[in-house]
Amino acid sequence: MRALPLSYPDSLIVIATLALLAAVLYCRHAASGRAGFIPDGDGFTLKRRWLPTIRVRIAWIDAPEKGQPHAEAARFALRALLGDRLLKLVYVDTDIYGRRVAQVWVDGQDVGLALVEAGAAWYYRHYGSKVSFWRRWRYGGAERRARFAKKGLWALPKPQSPWDFKHRSWWRKLLS
């Protein structure tokens, strides 16, 4: 059985409906704005015109925590990357602190990947199956290259990951 061709007005309605659906789906999972307060190397607040600010954590990375060596350098690296430029976010998740976990883009550059390449953050492997093979390959490769070149935190003799730092801090508090 052969399908009947759509008339010109019908095809315009179908195209407009598909475009509207794509726009709704895109807007639901994306935001844009400028960086506000930057508390650490993997988070910031997003200032949006006429909308409330959003607390954002950059997806797939973990930067040194306050009190760890290289924490301030990671924060300054993030500030230098974001500047006062327009940021584009694609939401991935919401973390336990209510922050939006998002992939962040500035001038076509993936901010998380740039931080890992600069040795300002670790590739956070604990996302597991939520991360595509392509992303694991890119972020893991960037971390390996930064380690090999001893960039940023990899210049330290034994850099401690933020998740180990938090875990040990928790035990110290518990035992004291």
N, C-alpha and C. Protein backbone atom coordinates (compact mmCIF):
# COMPACT_ATOMS: atom_id res chain seq x y z
N MET A 1 0.84 -1.17 0.00
CA MET A 1 0.00 0.00 0.00
C MET A 1 0.89 1.24 0.00
N ARG A 2 0.58 2.14 -0.84
CA ARG A 2 1.39 3.34 -1.02
C ARG A 2 0.82 4.49 -0.19
N ALA A 3 1.72 5.23 0.54
CA ALA A 3 1.28 6.36 1.35
C ALA A 3 0.92 7.54 0.46
N LEU A 4 -0.09 8.25 0.88
CA LEU A 4 -0.50 9.43 0.12
C LEU A 4 0.45 10.57 0.42
N PRO A 5 0.87 11.32 -0.57
CA PRO A 5 1.75 12.46 -0.32
C PRO A 5 1.00 13.55 0.46
N LEU A 6 1.73 14.23 1.32
CA LEU A 6 1.14 15.32 2.09
C LEU A 6 1.01 16.57 1.21
N SER A 7 -0.04 17.30 1.42
CA SER A 7 -0.19 18.56 0.70
C SER A 7 0.77 19.57 1.32
N TYR A 8 0.98 20.66 0.64
CA TYR A 8 1.91 21.68 1.11
C TYR A 8 1.54 22.21 2.50
N PRO A 9 0.31 22.60 2.78
CA PRO A 9 -0.03 23.08 4.13
C PRO A 9 0.15 21.99 5.20
N ASP A 10 -0.19 20.74 4.86
CA ASP A 10 -0.03 19.65 5.82
C ASP A 10 1.44 19.42 6.13
N SER A 11 2.30 19.49 5.14
CA SER A 11 3.73 19.28 5.38
C SER A 11 4.31 20.40 6.24
N LEU A 12 3.81 21.64 6.07
CA LEU A 12 4.26 22.75 6.91
C LEU A 12 3.85 22.54 8.36
N ILE A 13 2.66 22.01 8.57
CA ILE A 13 2.19 21.74 9.93
C ILE A 13 3.05 20.66 10.58
N VAL A 14 3.39 19.63 9.84
CA VAL A 14 4.23 18.55 10.37
C VAL A 14 5.62 19.09 10.71
N ILE A 15 6.20 19.87 9.85
CA ILE A 15 7.53 20.44 10.09
C ILE A 15 7.51 21.38 11.29
N ALA A 16 6.50 22.23 11.39
CA ALA A 16 6.40 23.16 12.52
C ALA A 16 6.21 22.40 13.83
N THR A 17 5.43 21.35 13.82
CA THR A 17 5.21 20.54 15.02
C THR A 17 6.51 19.87 15.46
N LEU A 18 7.25 19.31 14.53
CA LEU A 18 8.54 18.68 14.86
C LEU A 18 9.54 19.70 15.38
N ALA A 19 9.57 20.89 14.78
CA ALA A 19 10.48 21.94 15.25
C ALA A 19 10.12 22.38 16.66
N LEU A 20 8.84 22.53 16.93
CA LEU A 20 8.39 22.92 18.27
C LEU A 20 8.73 21.85 19.30
N LEU A 21 8.52 20.60 18.95
CA LEU A 21 8.86 19.49 19.84
C LEU A 21 10.36 19.47 20.14
N ALA A 22 11.19 19.65 19.11
CA ALA A 22 12.64 19.68 19.31
C ALA A 22 13.04 20.85 20.21
N ALA A 23 12.42 22.00 20.03
CA ALA A 23 12.74 23.18 20.86
C ALA A 23 12.35 22.94 22.31
N VAL A 24 11.20 22.34 22.54
CA VAL A 24 10.75 22.05 23.91
C VAL A 24 11.69 21.06 24.58
N LEU A 25 12.06 20.01 23.87
CA LEU A 25 12.97 19.02 24.45
C LEU A 25 14.34 19.63 24.73
N TYR A 26 14.82 20.49 23.83
CA TYR A 26 16.13 21.13 24.02
C TYR A 26 16.08 22.08 25.21
N CYS A 27 15.07 22.90 25.31
CA CYS A 27 14.98 23.89 26.39
C CYS A 27 14.82 23.23 27.75
N ARG A 28 14.23 22.07 27.78
CA ARG A 28 14.02 21.38 29.03
C ARG A 28 15.34 20.93 29.63
N HIS A 29 16.32 20.68 28.82
CA HIS A 29 17.58 20.11 29.29
C HIS A 29 18.76 21.03 29.05
N ALA A 30 18.52 22.30 28.80
CA ALA A 30 19.63 23.20 28.52
C ALA A 30 19.37 24.57 29.13
N ALA A 31 20.45 25.28 29.35
CA ALA A 31 20.34 26.65 29.88
C ALA A 31 21.54 27.43 29.37
N SER A 32 21.43 28.72 29.47
CA SER A 32 22.57 29.56 29.13
C SER A 32 22.58 30.75 30.07
N GLY A 33 23.73 31.34 30.23
CA GLY A 33 23.89 32.48 31.12
C GLY A 33 25.36 32.75 31.35
N ARG A 34 25.66 33.49 32.40
CA ARG A 34 27.04 33.83 32.75
C ARG A 34 27.34 33.32 34.14
N ALA A 35 28.60 33.05 34.39
CA ALA A 35 29.01 32.53 35.68
C ALA A 35 28.93 33.62 36.74
N GLY A 36 28.45 33.24 37.90
CA GLY A 36 28.42 34.14 39.04
C GLY A 36 29.52 33.73 40.01
N PHE A 37 29.11 33.35 41.21
CA PHE A 37 30.05 32.92 42.25
C PHE A 37 30.67 31.58 41.89
N ILE A 38 32.00 31.46 42.07
CA ILE A 38 32.72 30.21 41.80
C ILE A 38 33.35 29.74 43.11
N PRO A 39 32.70 28.81 43.84
CA PRO A 39 33.20 28.40 45.15
C PRO A 39 34.39 27.44 45.09
N ASP A 40 34.47 26.66 44.01
CA ASP A 40 35.55 25.67 43.89
C ASP A 40 35.85 25.40 42.43
N GLY A 41 36.66 24.39 42.16
CA GLY A 41 37.11 24.13 40.80
C GLY A 41 36.15 23.37 39.92
N ASP A 42 35.02 22.91 40.47
CA ASP A 42 34.08 22.17 39.62
C ASP A 42 32.63 22.62 39.80
N GLY A 43 32.42 23.81 40.36
CA GLY A 43 31.07 24.31 40.54
C GLY A 43 30.99 25.82 40.47
N PHE A 44 29.80 26.32 40.15
CA PHE A 44 29.58 27.77 40.07
C PHE A 44 28.08 28.03 40.08
N THR A 45 27.72 29.28 40.20
CA THR A 45 26.31 29.65 40.02
C THR A 45 26.16 30.26 38.63
N LEU A 46 25.06 29.91 37.99
CA LEU A 46 24.76 30.43 36.65
C LEU A 46 23.76 31.56 36.79
N LYS A 47 24.16 32.75 36.35
CA LYS A 47 23.25 33.91 36.35
C LYS A 47 22.54 33.95 35.01
N ARG A 48 21.20 33.97 35.08
CA ARG A 48 20.40 34.02 33.86
C ARG A 48 19.53 35.27 33.90
N ARG A 49 19.39 35.90 32.78
CA ARG A 49 18.58 37.12 32.70
C ARG A 49 17.11 36.76 32.97
N TRP A 50 16.49 37.47 33.90
CA TRP A 50 15.09 37.34 34.26
C TRP A 50 14.72 36.00 34.89
N LEU A 51 15.68 35.15 35.14
CA LEU A 51 15.39 33.85 35.76
C LEU A 51 16.26 33.69 37.00
N PRO A 52 15.85 32.84 37.93
CA PRO A 52 16.67 32.65 39.13
C PRO A 52 18.02 32.01 38.79
N THR A 53 19.00 32.26 39.65
CA THR A 53 20.31 31.64 39.43
C THR A 53 20.23 30.14 39.71
N ILE A 54 21.14 29.42 39.12
CA ILE A 54 21.18 27.96 39.29
C ILE A 54 22.56 27.60 39.83
N ARG A 55 22.60 26.70 40.81
CA ARG A 55 23.88 26.17 41.27
C ARG A 55 24.22 25.00 40.36
N VAL A 56 25.44 25.03 39.81
CA VAL A 56 25.85 24.05 38.80
C VAL A 56 27.11 23.33 39.26
N ARG A 57 27.15 22.03 39.00
CA ARG A 57 28.36 21.24 39.17
C ARG A 57 28.71 20.70 37.80
N ILE A 58 29.96 20.84 37.40
CA ILE A 58 30.37 20.41 36.07
C ILE A 58 30.41 18.89 36.04
N ALA A 59 29.79 18.31 35.03
CA ALA A 59 29.67 16.86 34.91
C ALA A 59 31.00 16.19 34.59
N TRP A 60 31.15 14.99 35.10
CA TRP A 60 32.23 14.05 34.77
C TRP A 60 33.61 14.46 35.27
N ILE A 61 33.69 15.48 36.14
CA ILE A 61 34.99 15.85 36.69
C ILE A 61 34.88 16.02 38.20
N ASP A 62 36.01 16.00 38.88
CA ASP A 62 36.07 16.31 40.31
C ASP A 62 37.37 17.07 40.55
N ALA A 63 37.24 18.29 41.05
CA ALA A 63 38.39 19.14 41.32
C ALA A 63 38.79 19.02 42.79
N PRO A 64 40.02 19.38 43.13
CA PRO A 64 40.44 19.32 44.54
C PRO A 64 39.52 20.13 45.45
N GLU A 65 39.29 19.58 46.64
CA GLU A 65 38.42 20.23 47.64
C GLU A 65 39.19 21.30 48.39
N LYS A 66 38.45 22.20 49.05
CA LYS A 66 39.09 23.20 49.90
C LYS A 66 39.89 22.46 50.95
N GLY A 67 41.11 22.92 51.18
CA GLY A 67 42.00 22.25 52.13
C GLY A 67 42.95 21.27 51.46
N GLN A 68 42.72 20.96 50.20
CA GLN A 68 43.61 20.09 49.45
C GLN A 68 44.61 20.93 48.68
N PRO A 69 45.82 20.38 48.45
CA PRO A 69 46.75 21.10 47.57
C PRO A 69 46.12 21.30 46.20
N HIS A 70 46.36 22.42 45.61
CA HIS A 70 45.93 22.75 44.24
C HIS A 70 44.46 23.14 44.15
N ALA A 71 43.74 23.25 45.28
CA ALA A 71 42.32 23.61 45.23
C ALA A 71 42.11 25.03 44.69
N GLU A 72 42.91 25.98 45.18
CA GLU A 72 42.77 27.36 44.70
C GLU A 72 43.17 27.48 43.23
N ALA A 73 44.20 26.75 42.83
CA ALA A 73 44.63 26.79 41.42
C ALA A 73 43.52 26.27 40.51
N ALA A 74 42.81 25.23 40.96
CA ALA A 74 41.70 24.68 40.17
C ALA A 74 40.57 25.70 40.07
N ARG A 75 40.30 26.39 41.17
CA ARG A 75 39.25 27.42 41.18
C ARG A 75 39.61 28.56 40.22
N PHE A 76 40.86 28.99 40.25
CA PHE A 76 41.29 30.06 39.34
C PHE A 76 41.27 29.60 37.89
N ALA A 77 41.60 28.33 37.64
CA ALA A 77 41.54 27.79 36.27
C ALA A 77 40.11 27.83 35.76
N LEU A 78 39.15 27.45 36.61
CA LEU A 78 37.74 27.51 36.21
C LEU A 78 37.31 28.95 35.96
N ARG A 79 37.71 29.86 36.83
CA ARG A 79 37.36 31.27 36.66
C ARG A 79 37.93 31.81 35.34
N ALA A 80 39.16 31.43 35.02
CA ALA A 80 39.79 31.90 33.77
C ALA A 80 39.05 31.35 32.55
N LEU A 81 38.59 30.09 32.61
CA LEU A 81 37.87 29.50 31.48
C LEU A 81 36.49 30.14 31.29
N LEU A 82 35.78 30.37 32.40
CA LEU A 82 34.42 30.89 32.29
C LEU A 82 34.39 32.39 32.02
N GLY A 83 35.23 33.14 32.74
CA GLY A 83 35.27 34.59 32.56
C GLY A 83 33.90 35.20 32.68
N ASP A 84 33.62 36.18 31.84
CA ASP A 84 32.31 36.81 31.79
C ASP A 84 31.65 36.51 30.45
N ARG A 85 31.92 35.32 29.94
CA ARG A 85 31.40 34.93 28.63
C ARG A 85 30.10 34.16 28.77
N LEU A 86 29.39 34.03 27.67
CA LEU A 86 28.13 33.30 27.65
C LEU A 86 28.40 31.80 27.73
N LEU A 87 27.76 31.13 28.68
CA LEU A 87 27.92 29.70 28.88
C LEU A 87 26.68 28.98 28.38
N LYS A 88 26.88 27.80 27.83
CA LYS A 88 25.77 26.94 27.43
C LYS A 88 25.88 25.66 28.24
N LEU A 89 24.78 25.23 28.83
CA LEU A 89 24.75 24.05 29.67
C LEU A 89 23.81 23.01 29.10
N VAL A 90 24.20 21.75 29.22
CA VAL A 90 23.32 20.64 28.91
C VAL A 90 23.22 19.83 30.20
N TYR A 91 22.02 19.77 30.78
CA TYR A 91 21.83 19.10 32.05
C TYR A 91 22.01 17.59 31.93
N VAL A 92 22.66 17.02 32.93
CA VAL A 92 22.89 15.58 32.98
C VAL A 92 22.12 14.97 34.14
N ASP A 93 22.12 15.65 35.28
CA ASP A 93 21.55 15.08 36.50
C ASP A 93 21.39 16.19 37.53
N THR A 94 20.89 15.84 38.70
CA THR A 94 20.87 16.71 39.87
C THR A 94 21.56 15.95 40.98
N ASP A 95 22.53 16.59 41.66
CA ASP A 95 23.27 15.86 42.70
C ASP A 95 22.55 15.92 44.04
N ILE A 96 23.13 15.30 45.06
CA ILE A 96 22.48 15.20 46.37
C ILE A 96 22.37 16.54 47.08
N TYR A 97 23.11 17.54 46.62
CA TYR A 97 23.06 18.88 47.21
C TYR A 97 22.09 19.80 46.45
N GLY A 98 21.38 19.27 45.48
CA GLY A 98 20.42 20.07 44.71
C GLY A 98 21.03 20.86 43.57
N ARG A 99 22.31 20.65 43.30
CA ARG A 99 22.94 21.36 42.18
C ARG A 99 22.62 20.63 40.88
N ARG A 100 22.53 21.41 39.80
CA ARG A 100 22.33 20.80 38.48
C ARG A 100 23.69 20.34 37.97
N VAL A 101 23.82 19.08 37.68
CA VAL A 101 25.05 18.54 37.09
C VAL A 101 24.89 18.72 35.58
N ALA A 102 25.86 19.40 34.98
CA ALA A 102 25.70 19.75 33.56
C ALA A 102 27.04 19.75 32.84
N GLN A 103 26.96 19.46 31.55
CA GLN A 103 28.11 19.66 30.68
C GLN A 103 28.09 21.14 30.32
N VAL A 104 29.22 21.80 30.47
CA VAL A 104 29.29 23.25 30.28
C VAL A 104 30.15 23.55 29.06
N TRP A 105 29.65 24.45 28.22
CA TRP A 105 30.36 24.86 27.01
C TRP A 105 30.55 26.36 27.03
N VAL A 106 31.74 26.81 26.64
CA VAL A 106 32.00 28.24 26.47
C VAL A 106 32.78 28.40 25.17
N ASP A 107 32.28 29.20 24.28
CA ASP A 107 32.91 29.42 22.96
C ASP A 107 33.22 28.10 22.24
N GLY A 108 32.31 27.14 22.33
CA GLY A 108 32.48 25.86 21.66
C GLY A 108 33.45 24.91 22.35
N GLN A 109 33.93 25.25 23.53
CA GLN A 109 34.90 24.42 24.25
C GLN A 109 34.22 23.75 25.44
N ASP A 110 34.44 22.45 25.61
CA ASP A 110 33.93 21.70 26.75
C ASP A 110 34.77 22.07 27.97
N VAL A 111 34.17 22.76 28.93
CA VAL A 111 34.90 23.28 30.09
C VAL A 111 35.46 22.14 30.96
N GLY A 112 34.67 21.11 31.20
CA GLY A 112 35.14 19.98 32.01
C GLY A 112 36.36 19.31 31.39
N LEU A 113 36.30 19.07 30.10
CA LEU A 113 37.43 18.45 29.41
C LEU A 113 38.65 19.35 29.46
N ALA A 114 38.46 20.65 29.31
CA ALA A 114 39.58 21.59 29.36
C ALA A 114 40.24 21.58 30.74
N LEU A 115 39.44 21.48 31.81
CA LEU A 115 40.00 21.42 33.16
C LEU A 115 40.80 20.15 33.39
N VAL A 116 40.30 19.03 32.87
CA VAL A 116 41.03 17.76 33.00
C VAL A 116 42.33 17.83 32.20
N GLU A 117 42.27 18.37 30.99
CA GLU A 117 43.48 18.50 30.16
C GLU A 117 44.53 19.38 30.81
N ALA A 118 44.09 20.41 31.55
CA ALA A 118 45.02 21.34 32.20
C ALA A 118 45.56 20.80 33.53
N GLY A 119 45.04 19.64 33.96
CA GLY A 119 45.48 19.09 35.23
C GLY A 119 44.86 19.80 36.42
N ALA A 120 43.71 20.43 36.21
CA ALA A 120 43.03 21.14 37.30
C ALA A 120 41.95 20.28 37.93
N ALA A 121 41.65 19.11 37.33
CA ALA A 121 40.60 18.23 37.86
C ALA A 121 40.85 16.80 37.43
N TRP A 122 40.23 15.88 38.15
CA TRP A 122 40.25 14.46 37.80
C TRP A 122 39.04 14.17 36.92
N TYR A 123 39.18 13.18 36.06
CA TYR A 123 38.02 12.64 35.37
C TYR A 123 37.32 11.77 36.42
N TYR A 124 36.06 12.03 36.70
CA TYR A 124 35.33 11.35 37.77
C TYR A 124 34.69 10.09 37.21
N ARG A 125 35.35 8.96 37.40
CA ARG A 125 34.92 7.69 36.82
C ARG A 125 33.71 7.06 37.51
N HIS A 126 33.30 7.59 38.64
CA HIS A 126 32.23 6.97 39.41
C HIS A 126 30.85 7.13 38.80
N TYR A 127 30.75 7.81 37.66
CA TYR A 127 29.46 7.89 36.99
C TYR A 127 29.09 6.57 36.34
N GLY A 128 30.10 5.71 36.10
CA GLY A 128 29.86 4.37 35.59
C GLY A 128 29.15 4.33 34.26
N SER A 129 28.04 3.60 34.21
CA SER A 129 27.34 3.36 32.95
C SER A 129 26.61 4.60 32.43
N LYS A 130 26.53 5.68 33.23
CA LYS A 130 25.86 6.89 32.76
C LYS A 130 26.69 7.65 31.73
N VAL A 131 27.95 7.25 31.57
CA VAL A 131 28.85 7.97 30.67
C VAL A 131 29.07 7.13 29.41
N SER A 132 28.97 7.77 28.26
CA SER A 132 29.15 7.06 27.00
C SER A 132 30.61 6.63 26.82
N PHE A 133 30.81 5.64 25.97
CA PHE A 133 32.17 5.17 25.68
C PHE A 133 33.03 6.32 25.15
N TRP A 134 32.45 7.11 24.26
CA TRP A 134 33.18 8.22 23.64
C TRP A 134 33.66 9.20 24.69
N ARG A 135 32.79 9.54 25.65
CA ARG A 135 33.14 10.50 26.70
C ARG A 135 34.20 9.90 27.64
N ARG A 136 34.05 8.64 28.01
CA ARG A 136 35.05 7.97 28.86
C ARG A 136 36.41 7.99 28.17
N TRP A 137 36.41 7.75 26.87
CA TRP A 137 37.65 7.72 26.10
C TRP A 137 38.29 9.11 26.07
N ARG A 138 37.50 10.15 25.81
CA ARG A 138 38.03 11.51 25.72
C ARG A 138 38.54 12.01 27.07
N TYR A 139 37.72 11.88 28.12
CA TYR A 139 38.10 12.38 29.43
C TYR A 139 39.23 11.55 30.04
N GLY A 140 39.15 10.23 29.90
CA GLY A 140 40.22 9.37 30.41
C GLY A 140 41.54 9.63 29.70
N GLY A 141 41.48 9.83 28.40
CA GLY A 141 42.69 10.14 27.64
C GLY A 141 43.27 11.49 28.03
N ALA A 142 42.41 12.47 28.26
CA ALA A 142 42.88 13.80 28.68
C ALA A 142 43.57 13.71 30.04
N GLU A 143 43.01 12.91 30.94
CA GLU A 143 43.65 12.76 32.26
C GLU A 143 45.01 12.06 32.14
N ARG A 144 45.07 11.02 31.32
CA ARG A 144 46.35 10.31 31.13
C ARG A 144 47.41 11.22 30.54
N ARG A 145 47.03 12.06 29.57
CA ARG A 145 47.99 12.99 28.98
C ARG A 145 48.47 14.03 30.00
N ALA A 146 47.55 14.52 30.82
CA ALA A 146 47.92 15.51 31.85
C ALA A 146 48.84 14.87 32.89
N ARG A 147 48.56 13.63 33.27
CA ARG A 147 49.44 12.91 34.23
C ARG A 147 50.83 12.75 33.65
N PHE A 148 50.88 12.31 32.40
CA PHE A 148 52.17 12.06 31.75
C PHE A 148 52.99 13.35 31.63
N ALA A 149 52.32 14.45 31.33
CA ALA A 149 53.00 15.74 31.18
C ALA A 149 53.21 16.45 32.51
N LYS A 150 52.70 15.86 33.61
CA LYS A 150 52.81 16.44 34.96
C LYS A 150 52.24 17.86 35.00
N LYS A 151 51.07 18.02 34.40
CA LYS A 151 50.39 19.32 34.39
C LYS A 151 49.59 19.50 35.68
N GLY A 152 49.55 20.72 36.17
CA GLY A 152 48.69 21.07 37.29
C GLY A 152 48.89 20.19 38.51
N LEU A 153 47.83 19.58 38.99
CA LEU A 153 47.89 18.76 40.20
C LEU A 153 48.74 17.52 40.02
N TRP A 154 48.99 17.12 38.79
CA TRP A 154 49.82 15.94 38.54
C TRP A 154 51.30 16.23 38.75
N ALA A 155 51.67 17.48 38.97
CA ALA A 155 53.05 17.82 39.30
C ALA A 155 53.35 17.50 40.77
N LEU A 156 52.29 17.30 41.58
CA LEU A 156 52.48 16.94 42.99
C LEU A 156 53.01 15.51 43.08
N PRO A 157 53.82 15.20 44.12
CA PRO A 157 54.37 13.85 44.23
C PRO A 157 53.31 12.75 44.33
N LYS A 158 52.28 12.95 45.17
CA LYS A 158 51.21 11.96 45.31
C LYS A 158 49.87 12.70 45.42
N PRO A 159 49.29 13.09 44.30
CA PRO A 159 48.01 13.80 44.39
C PRO A 159 46.91 12.89 44.94
N GLN A 160 46.14 13.41 45.88
CA GLN A 160 45.06 12.64 46.49
C GLN A 160 43.74 13.07 45.85
N SER A 161 42.97 12.11 45.40
CA SER A 161 41.70 12.43 44.74
C SER A 161 40.73 13.04 45.75
N PRO A 162 39.82 13.88 45.29
CA PRO A 162 38.85 14.50 46.19
C PRO A 162 37.97 13.48 46.92
N TRP A 163 37.59 12.41 46.24
CA TRP A 163 36.74 11.41 46.89
C TRP A 163 37.48 10.71 48.02
N ASP A 164 38.80 10.45 47.86
CA ASP A 164 39.58 9.88 48.96
C ASP A 164 39.76 10.90 50.08
N PHE A 165 39.98 12.15 49.72
CA PHE A 165 40.14 13.22 50.71
C PHE A 165 38.88 13.35 51.57
N LYS A 166 37.70 13.36 50.92
CA LYS A 166 36.44 13.48 51.66
C LYS A 166 36.22 12.26 52.55
N HIS A 167 36.54 11.08 52.04
CA HIS A 167 36.35 9.85 52.80
C HIS A 167 37.25 9.84 54.04
N ARG A 168 38.50 10.21 53.88
CA ARG A 168 39.43 10.24 55.02
C ARG A 168 39.06 11.33 56.01
N SER A 169 38.59 12.47 55.52
CA SER A 169 38.15 13.55 56.42
C SER A 169 36.97 13.09 57.25
N TRP A 170 36.05 12.35 56.63
CA TRP A 170 34.89 11.84 57.34
C TRP A 170 35.31 10.90 58.47
N TRP A 171 36.26 10.00 58.18
CA TRP A 171 36.75 9.07 59.20
C TRP A 171 37.46 9.80 60.32
N ARG A 172 38.25 10.83 59.97
CA ARG A 172 38.95 11.61 61.01
C ARG A 172 37.96 12.28 61.95
N LYS A 173 36.89 12.84 61.39
CA LYS A 173 35.87 13.48 62.23
C LYS A 173 35.17 12.46 63.13
N LEU A 174 34.90 11.30 62.57
CA LEU A 174 34.22 10.25 63.32
C LEU A 174 35.06 9.74 64.49
N LEU A 175 36.37 9.59 64.26
CA LEU A 175 37.25 9.01 65.27
C LEU A 175 37.77 10.03 66.28
N SER A 176 37.60 11.32 66.01
CA SER A 176 38.13 12.31 66.95
C SER A 176 37.12 12.72 67.99
